[in-house]
Amino acid sequence: MKSYTLREAAKKVKVAPRILKQWEKEFAQYITVPRTKQGARIYNDALLEQFIKIKQWFSEKKTKHDIIQYLQEEQQNTGLEGEVIDTPRPLRHDSYHIAEQLARTMKEEIVGELKKETTEAVQQAVAEMKTYMGEICENSASTKREIHRSLARYTKTLQEETEEIHEHLDNIVTFLQEEKTKREEEQRRYEEQIIEREKAFRELVLSFRQAASSASVKRSNKWWKFW
């Protein structure tokens, strides 16, 4: 079955990529977008058809609740499930595009890992809050303050990790841009060297021809003088 990346799918449906992500989140109970082992989204023709229907329903001024009902009815009738795909189909092979794809995949993996850690941290915080519920029922002011401090620590930790990840991603993008600029400059210098060598070679050939012509004239003059 043919597969598509997020940008390709958005182009097929004629919406922005962020819209597909938004619909995936809003109708997650009825639409499942499979991913590769690296975490990249992969779309197939069946999913594109679903998103095209959702786009049509929104254009008909249908509400989100109406669309959920439509999707629920379709799921009951067809039992549509997402197909798991291990690897996407090959894309462009130029080095800079591959680097861009690598950076994008790394970003999705890092963001996915951050979401996972965030979920675990929130679950841990909720578990601690449940532990403190008994003491809260006894109106313990000290317990309430401890809960607030715990949540503040989790919030600060998550914020620091998020800032660190964004800084890392900015460094990756900067590195890729510098590498692209460097390769373009090297290519330009290489082309200039080739042009200079061709020019020097032409001048050498021209000089050789002129020298040969001059030598020929001299030999011709000596021959007539001999007779």
C-alpha atoms as a PDB file:
ATOM      1  CA  MET A   1       0.000   0.000   0.000  1.00  0.00           C
ATOM      2  CA  LYS A   2       1.341   3.444  -0.862  1.00  0.00           C
ATOM      3  CA  SER A   3       2.459   5.586   2.077  1.00  0.00           C
ATOM      4  CA  TYR A   4       2.941   9.329   2.543  1.00  0.00           C
ATOM      5  CA  THR A   5       4.848  11.617   4.883  1.00  0.00           C
ATOM      6  CA  LEU A   6       3.090  14.372   6.849  1.00  0.00           C
ATOM      7  CA  ARG A   7       3.878  17.035   4.231  1.00  0.00           C
ATOM      8  CA  GLU A   8       2.825  14.782   1.357  1.00  0.00           C
ATOM      9  CA  ALA A   9      -0.440  13.904   3.091  1.00  0.00           C
ATOM     10  CA  ALA A  10      -1.195  17.558   3.844  1.00  0.00           C
ATOM     11  CA  LYS A  11      -0.575  18.399   0.189  1.00  0.00           C
ATOM     12  CA  LYS A  12      -2.953  15.627  -0.894  1.00  0.00           C
ATOM     13  CA  VAL A  13      -5.708  16.813   1.476  1.00  0.00           C
ATOM     14  CA  LYS A  14      -4.904  20.471   0.598  1.00  0.00           C
ATOM     15  CA  VAL A  15      -4.502  21.668   4.185  1.00  0.00           C
ATOM     16  CA  ALA A  16      -1.552  22.738   6.320  1.00  0.00           C
ATOM     17  CA  PRO A  17       0.392  19.957   8.106  1.00  0.00           C
ATOM     18  CA  ARG A  18      -0.606  21.412  11.485  1.00  0.00           C
ATOM     19  CA  ILE A  19      -4.279  20.925  10.574  1.00  0.00           C
ATOM     20  CA  LEU A  20      -3.730  17.178  10.095  1.00  0.00           C
ATOM     21  CA  LYS A  21      -2.031  17.027  13.497  1.00  0.00           C
ATOM     22  CA  GLN A  22      -4.911  18.964  15.034  1.00  0.00           C
ATOM     23  CA  TRP A  23      -7.533  16.634  13.538  1.00  0.00           C
ATOM     24  CA  GLU A  24      -5.504  13.612  14.616  1.00  0.00           C
ATOM     25  CA  LYS A  25      -5.628  14.942  18.187  1.00  0.00           C
ATOM     26  CA  GLU A  26      -9.307  15.989  18.125  1.00  0.00           C
ATOM     27  CA  PHE A  27     -10.520  12.682  16.660  1.00  0.00           C
ATOM     28  CA  ALA A  28      -7.893  10.405  18.191  1.00  0.00           C
ATOM     29  CA  GLN A  29     -10.575   7.944  19.309  1.00  0.00           C
ATOM     30  CA  TYR A  30     -11.516   7.199  15.703  1.00  0.00           C
ATOM     31  CA  ILE A  31      -8.368   8.028  13.691  1.00  0.00           C
ATOM     32  CA  THR A  32      -4.986   6.442  14.411  1.00  0.00           C
ATOM     33  CA  VAL A  33      -1.961   7.575  12.403  1.00  0.00           C
ATOM     34  CA  PRO A  34       0.767   4.892  12.487  1.00  0.00           C
ATOM     35  CA  ARG A  35       4.397   5.811  12.945  1.00  0.00           C
ATOM     36  CA  THR A  36       7.770   4.391  12.068  1.00  0.00           C
ATOM     37  CA  LYS A  37      10.156   3.073  14.704  1.00  0.00           C
ATOM     38  CA  GLN A  38      11.754   6.523  14.677  1.00  0.00           C
ATOM     39  CA  GLY A  39       8.396   8.167  15.475  1.00  0.00           C
ATOM     40  CA  ALA A  40       7.669   9.772  12.082  1.00  0.00           C
ATOM     41  CA  ARG A  41       4.012   9.833  11.012  1.00  0.00           C
ATOM     42  CA  ILE A  42       3.037   7.678   8.030  1.00  0.00           C
ATOM     43  CA  TYR A  43      -0.235   8.109   6.137  1.00  0.00           C
ATOM     44  CA  ASN A  44      -1.958   5.729   3.703  1.00  0.00           C
ATOM     45  CA  ASP A  45      -4.784   6.207   1.208  1.00  0.00           C
ATOM     46  CA  ALA A  46      -7.447   5.130   3.724  1.00  0.00           C
ATOM     47  CA  LEU A  47      -6.342   7.788   6.218  1.00  0.00           C
ATOM     48  CA  LEU A  48      -6.211  10.454   3.502  1.00  0.00           C
ATOM     49  CA  GLU A  49      -9.779   9.567   2.576  1.00  0.00           C
ATOM     50  CA  GLN A  50     -10.841  10.028   6.222  1.00  0.00           C
ATOM     51  CA  PHE A  51      -9.167  13.435   6.435  1.00  0.00           C
ATOM     52  CA  ILE A  52     -10.728  14.516   3.145  1.00  0.00           C
ATOM     53  CA  LYS A  53     -14.142  13.611   4.585  1.00  0.00           C
ATOM     54  CA  ILE A  54     -13.423  15.591   7.735  1.00  0.00           C
ATOM     55  CA  LYS A  55     -12.406  18.581   5.614  1.00  0.00           C
ATOM     56  CA  GLN A  56     -15.640  18.270   3.626  1.00  0.00           C
ATOM     57  CA  TRP A  57     -17.740  18.072   6.809  1.00  0.00           C
ATOM     58  CA  PHE A  58     -16.117  21.182   8.216  1.00  0.00           C
ATOM     59  CA  SER A  59     -16.719  22.995   4.920  1.00  0.00           C
ATOM     60  CA  GLU A  60     -20.398  22.029   5.297  1.00  0.00           C
ATOM     61  CA  LYS A  61     -20.434  23.806   8.679  1.00  0.00           C
ATOM     62  CA  LYS A  62     -20.696  20.559  10.632  1.00  0.00           C
ATOM     63  CA  THR A  63     -19.733  20.747  14.292  1.00  0.00           C
ATOM     64  CA  LYS A  64     -17.030  18.683  15.934  1.00  0.00           C
ATOM     65  CA  HIS A  65     -19.734  16.706  17.744  1.00  0.00           C
ATOM     66  CA  ASP A  66     -21.442  15.916  14.411  1.00  0.00           C
ATOM     67  CA  ILE A  67     -18.168  14.732  12.882  1.00  0.00           C
ATOM     68  CA  ILE A  68     -17.475  12.496  15.882  1.00  0.00           C
ATOM     69  CA  GLN A  69     -20.862  10.860  15.362  1.00  0.00           C
ATOM     70  CA  TYR A  70     -20.124  10.339  11.646  1.00  0.00           C
ATOM     71  CA  LEU A  71     -16.753   8.776  12.438  1.00  0.00           C
ATOM     72  CA  GLN A  72     -18.300   6.561  15.085  1.00  0.00           C
ATOM     73  CA  GLU A  73     -20.885   5.301  12.605  1.00  0.00           C
ATOM     74  CA  GLU A  74     -18.206   4.661   9.964  1.00  0.00           C
ATOM     75  CA  GLN A  75     -16.047   2.799  12.452  1.00  0.00           C
ATOM     76  CA  GLN A  76     -18.936   0.574  13.417  1.00  0.00           C
ATOM     77  CA  ASN A  77     -19.686  -0.167   9.763  1.00  0.00           C
ATOM     78  CA  THR A  78     -16.198  -0.657   8.410  1.00  0.00           C
ATOM     79  CA  GLY A  79     -13.984  -1.371  11.430  1.00  0.00           C
ATOM     80  CA  LEU A  80     -11.259   0.835   9.922  1.00  0.00           C
ATOM     81  CA  GLU A  81      -7.841   0.391  11.539  1.00  0.00           C
ATOM     82  CA  GLY A  82      -4.524   2.087  10.788  1.00  0.00           C
ATOM     83  CA  GLU A  83      -1.871  -0.002   9.081  1.00  0.00           C
ATOM     84  CA  VAL A  84       1.509  -0.150  10.822  1.00  0.00           C
ATOM     85  CA  ILE A  85       4.392   0.618   8.501  1.00  0.00           C
ATOM     86  CA  ASP A  86       7.975   0.077   9.569  1.00  0.00           C
ATOM     87  CA  THR A  87       9.748   2.281   7.051  1.00  0.00           C
ATOM     88  CA  PRO A  88       8.638   5.179   4.816  1.00  0.00           C
ATOM     89  CA  ARG A  89       9.152   5.142   1.094  1.00  0.00           C
ATOM     90  CA  PRO A  90      12.404   6.703  -0.171  1.00  0.00           C
ATOM     91  CA  LEU A  91      12.539  10.444  -0.460  1.00  0.00           C
ATOM     92  CA  ARG A  92      15.089  12.722  -2.154  1.00  0.00           C
ATOM     93  CA  HIS A  93      18.684  11.638  -1.754  1.00  0.00           C
ATOM     94  CA  ASP A  94      20.693  14.866  -1.846  1.00  0.00           C
ATOM     95  CA  SER A  95      22.846  15.277   1.246  1.00  0.00           C
ATOM     96  CA  TYR A  96      21.255  18.467   2.542  1.00  0.00           C
ATOM     97  CA  HIS A  97      17.728  17.068   2.268  1.00  0.00           C
ATOM     98  CA  ILE A  98      18.816  13.909   4.080  1.00  0.00           C
ATOM     99  CA  ALA A  99      20.298  16.097   6.780  1.00  0.00           C
ATOM    100  CA  GLU A 100      17.025  17.998   7.023  1.00  0.00           C
ATOM    101  CA  GLN A 101      15.107  14.735   7.306  1.00  0.00           C
ATOM    102  CA  LEU A 102      17.517  13.567   9.980  1.00  0.00           C
ATOM    103  CA  ALA A 103      17.083  16.784  11.949  1.00  0.00           C
ATOM    104  CA  ARG A 104      13.297  16.554  11.620  1.00  0.00           C
ATOM    105  CA  THR A 105      13.317  12.918  12.775  1.00  0.00           C
ATOM    106  CA  MET A 106      15.579  13.793  15.695  1.00  0.00           C
ATOM    107  CA  LYS A 107      13.257  16.621  16.647  1.00  0.00           C
ATOM    108  CA  GLU A 108      10.198  14.349  16.580  1.00  0.00           C
ATOM    109  CA  GLU A 109      12.027  11.743  18.639  1.00  0.00           C
ATOM    110  CA  ILE A 110      13.143  14.311  21.208  1.00  0.00           C
ATOM    111  CA  VAL A 111       9.680  15.864  21.430  1.00  0.00           C
ATOM    112  CA  GLY A 112       8.135  12.393  21.745  1.00  0.00           C
ATOM    113  CA  GLU A 113      10.570  11.520  24.526  1.00  0.00           C
ATOM    114  CA  LEU A 114       9.790  14.819  26.246  1.00  0.00           C
ATOM    115  CA  LYS A 115       6.063  14.071  26.064  1.00  0.00           C
ATOM    116  CA  LYS A 116       6.708  10.646  27.525  1.00  0.00           C
ATOM    117  CA  GLU A 117       8.768  12.077  30.373  1.00  0.00           C
ATOM    118  CA  THR A 118       6.148  14.767  30.944  1.00  0.00           C
ATOM    119  CA  THR A 119       3.392  12.161  31.156  1.00  0.00           C
ATOM    120  CA  GLU A 120       5.417  10.067  33.583  1.00  0.00           C
ATOM    121  CA  ALA A 121       6.182  13.112  35.707  1.00  0.00           C
ATOM    122  CA  VAL A 122       2.515  14.147  35.782  1.00  0.00           C
ATOM    123  CA  GLN A 123       1.482  10.584  36.661  1.00  0.00           C
ATOM    124  CA  GLN A 124       4.030  10.530  39.439  1.00  0.00           C
ATOM    125  CA  ALA A 125       2.774  13.892  40.694  1.00  0.00           C
ATOM    126  CA  VAL A 126      -0.821  12.632  40.631  1.00  0.00           C
ATOM    127  CA  ALA A 127       0.220   9.485  42.502  1.00  0.00           C
ATOM    128  CA  GLU A 128       1.873  11.610  45.157  1.00  0.00           C
ATOM    129  CA  MET A 129      -1.204  13.808  45.358  1.00  0.00           C
ATOM    130  CA  LYS A 130      -3.363  10.742  45.936  1.00  0.00           C
ATOM    131  CA  THR A 131      -0.985   9.689  48.679  1.00  0.00           C
ATOM    132  CA  TYR A 132      -1.414  13.061  50.305  1.00  0.00           C
ATOM    133  CA  MET A 133      -5.219  13.022  49.998  1.00  0.00           C
ATOM    134  CA  GLY A 134      -5.633  11.335  53.354  1.00  0.00           C
ATOM    135  CA  GLU A 135      -3.646  14.036  55.067  1.00  0.00           C
ATOM    136  CA  ILE A 136      -5.471  16.718  53.085  1.00  0.00           C
ATOM    137  CA  CYS A 137      -8.744  15.396  54.446  1.00  0.00           C
ATOM    138  CA  GLU A 138      -7.354  16.110  57.914  1.00  0.00           C
ATOM    139  CA  ASN A 139      -6.811  19.760  56.832  1.00  0.00           C
ATOM    140  CA  SER A 140      -3.051  19.572  57.210  1.00  0.00           C
ATOM    141  CA  ALA A 141      -1.668  22.902  56.078  1.00  0.00           C
ATOM    142  CA  SER A 142       1.869  21.534  55.944  1.00  0.00           C
ATOM    143  CA  THR A 143       0.780  18.756  53.561  1.00  0.00           C
ATOM    144  CA  LYS A 144      -0.855  21.270  51.224  1.00  0.00           C
ATOM    145  CA  ARG A 145       2.319  23.346  51.129  1.00  0.00           C
ATOM    146  CA  GLU A 146       4.378  20.218  50.342  1.00  0.00           C
ATOM    147  CA  ILE A 147       2.070  19.381  47.425  1.00  0.00           C
ATOM    148  CA  HIS A 148       2.486  22.866  45.985  1.00  0.00           C
ATOM    149  CA  ARG A 149       6.268  22.658  46.355  1.00  0.00           C
ATOM    150  CA  SER A 150       6.313  19.238  44.665  1.00  0.00           C
ATOM    151  CA  LEU A 151       4.283  20.488  41.712  1.00  0.00           C
ATOM    152  CA  ALA A 152       6.492  23.575  41.464  1.00  0.00           C
ATOM    153  CA  ARG A 153       9.609  21.367  41.301  1.00  0.00           C
ATOM    154  CA  TYR A 154       8.108  19.236  38.542  1.00  0.00           C
ATOM    155  CA  THR A 155       7.094  22.349  36.598  1.00  0.00           C
ATOM    156  CA  LYS A 156      10.564  23.888  36.905  1.00  0.00           C
ATOM    157  CA  THR A 157      12.262  20.624  35.853  1.00  0.00           C
ATOM    158  CA  LEU A 158      10.056  20.261  32.781  1.00  0.00           C
ATOM    159  CA  GLN A 159      10.634  23.880  31.789  1.00  0.00           C
ATOM    160  CA  GLU A 160      14.423  23.498  32.054  1.00  0.00           C
ATOM    161  CA  GLU A 161      14.385  20.289  30.002  1.00  0.00           C
ATOM    162  CA  THR A 162      12.217  21.935  27.346  1.00  0.00           C
ATOM    163  CA  GLU A 163      14.560  24.938  27.073  1.00  0.00           C
ATOM    164  CA  GLU A 164      17.579  22.622  26.804  1.00  0.00           C
ATOM    165  CA  ILE A 165      15.959  20.604  24.021  1.00  0.00           C
ATOM    166  CA  HIS A 166      15.020  23.728  22.045  1.00  0.00           C
ATOM    167  CA  GLU A 167      18.583  25.021  22.404  1.00  0.00           C
ATOM    168  CA  HIS A 168      19.905  21.684  21.134  1.00  0.00           C
ATOM    169  CA  LEU A 169      17.578  21.787  18.144  1.00  0.00           C
ATOM    170  CA  ASP A 170      18.614  25.362  17.342  1.00  0.00           C
ATOM    171  CA  ASN A 171      22.263  24.249  17.373  1.00  0.00           C
ATOM    172  CA  ILE A 172      21.453  21.411  14.961  1.00  0.00           C
ATOM    173  CA  VAL A 173      19.670  23.769  12.547  1.00  0.00           C
ATOM    174  CA  THR A 174      22.537  26.279  12.750  1.00  0.00           C
ATOM    175  CA  PHE A 175      25.075  23.541  12.079  1.00  0.00           C
ATOM    176  CA  LEU A 176      23.158  22.327   9.024  1.00  0.00           C
ATOM    177  CA  GLN A 177      22.873  25.838   7.630  1.00  0.00           C
ATOM    178  CA  GLU A 178      26.601  26.440   8.130  1.00  0.00           C
ATOM    179  CA  GLU A 179      27.419  23.137   6.447  1.00  0.00           C
ATOM    180  CA  LYS A 180      25.209  24.017   3.491  1.00  0.00           C
ATOM    181  CA  THR A 181      26.877  27.429   3.160  1.00  0.00           C
ATOM    182  CA  LYS A 182      30.315  25.843   3.422  1.00  0.00           C
ATOM    183  CA  ARG A 183      29.535  23.286   0.706  1.00  0.00           C
ATOM    184  CA  GLU A 184      28.165  25.996  -1.580  1.00  0.00           C
ATOM    185  CA  GLU A 185      31.331  28.099  -1.042  1.00  0.00           C
ATOM    186  CA  GLU A 186      33.587  25.101  -1.746  1.00  0.00           C
ATOM    187  CA  GLN A 187      31.630  24.341  -4.913  1.00  0.00           C
ATOM    188  CA  ARG A 188      31.967  27.958  -6.035  1.00  0.00           C
ATOM    189  CA  ARG A 189      35.737  27.988  -5.420  1.00  0.00           C
ATOM    190  CA  TYR A 190      36.091  24.677  -7.228  1.00  0.00           C
ATOM    191  CA  GLU A 191      34.247  26.043 -10.265  1.00  0.00           C
ATOM    192  CA  GLU A 192      36.422  29.177 -10.216  1.00  0.00           C
ATOM    193  CA  GLN A 193      39.575  27.042 -10.123  1.00  0.00           C
ATOM    194  CA  ILE A 194      38.369  25.029 -13.097  1.00  0.00           C
ATOM    195  CA  ILE A 195      37.648  28.222 -15.040  1.00  0.00           C
ATOM    196  CA  GLU A 196      41.091  29.651 -14.176  1.00  0.00           C
ATOM    197  CA  ARG A 197      42.838  26.440 -15.234  1.00  0.00           C
ATOM    198  CA  GLU A 198      40.912  26.369 -18.512  1.00  0.00           C
ATOM    199  CA  LYS A 199      41.913  29.989 -19.119  1.00  0.00           C
ATOM    200  CA  ALA A 200      45.591  29.252 -18.345  1.00  0.00           C
ATOM    201  CA  PHE A 201      45.483  26.201 -20.617  1.00  0.00           C
ATOM    202  CA  ARG A 202      44.037  28.263 -23.481  1.00  0.00           C
ATOM    203  CA  GLU A 203      46.744  30.908 -22.997  1.00  0.00           C
ATOM    204  CA  LEU A 204      49.429  28.196 -22.982  1.00  0.00           C
ATOM    205  CA  VAL A 205      48.098  26.681 -26.220  1.00  0.00           C
ATOM    206  CA  LEU A 206      47.898  30.134 -27.827  1.00  0.00           C
ATOM    207  CA  SER A 207      51.475  30.922 -26.751  1.00  0.00           C
ATOM    208  CA  PHE A 208      52.676  27.605 -28.091  1.00  0.00           C
ATOM    209  CA  ARG A 209      50.974  28.234 -31.427  1.00  0.00           C
ATOM    210  CA  GLN A 210      52.507  31.700 -31.691  1.00  0.00           C
ATOM    211  CA  ALA A 211      55.969  30.351 -30.875  1.00  0.00           C
ATOM    212  CA  ALA A 212      55.589  27.567 -33.430  1.00  0.00           C
ATOM    213  CA  SER A 213      54.449  30.050 -36.072  1.00  0.00           C
ATOM    214  CA  SER A 214      57.419  32.335 -35.377  1.00  0.00           C
ATOM    215  CA  ALA A 215      59.880  29.443 -35.581  1.00  0.00           C
ATOM    216  CA  SER A 216      58.388  28.361 -38.896  1.00  0.00           C
ATOM    217  CA  VAL A 217      58.847  31.834 -40.378  1.00  0.00           C
ATOM    218  CA  LYS A 218      62.473  31.934 -39.276  1.00  0.00           C
ATOM    219  CA  ARG A 219      63.237  28.583 -40.898  1.00  0.00           C
ATOM    220  CA  SER A 220      61.568  29.740 -44.124  1.00  0.00           C
ATOM    221  CA  ASN A 221      63.760  32.893 -44.275  1.00  0.00           C
ATOM    222  CA  LYS A 222      66.968  30.965 -43.777  1.00  0.00           C
ATOM    223  CA  TRP A 223      66.103  28.604 -46.627  1.00  0.00           C
ATOM    224  CA  TRP A 224      65.772  31.470 -49.147  1.00  0.00           C
ATOM    225  CA  LYS A 225      68.996  33.054 -47.998  1.00  0.00           C
ATOM    226  CA  PHE A 226      70.850  29.805 -48.546  1.00  0.00           C
ATOM    227  CA  TRP A 227      69.916  29.783 -52.248  1.00  0.00           C
END
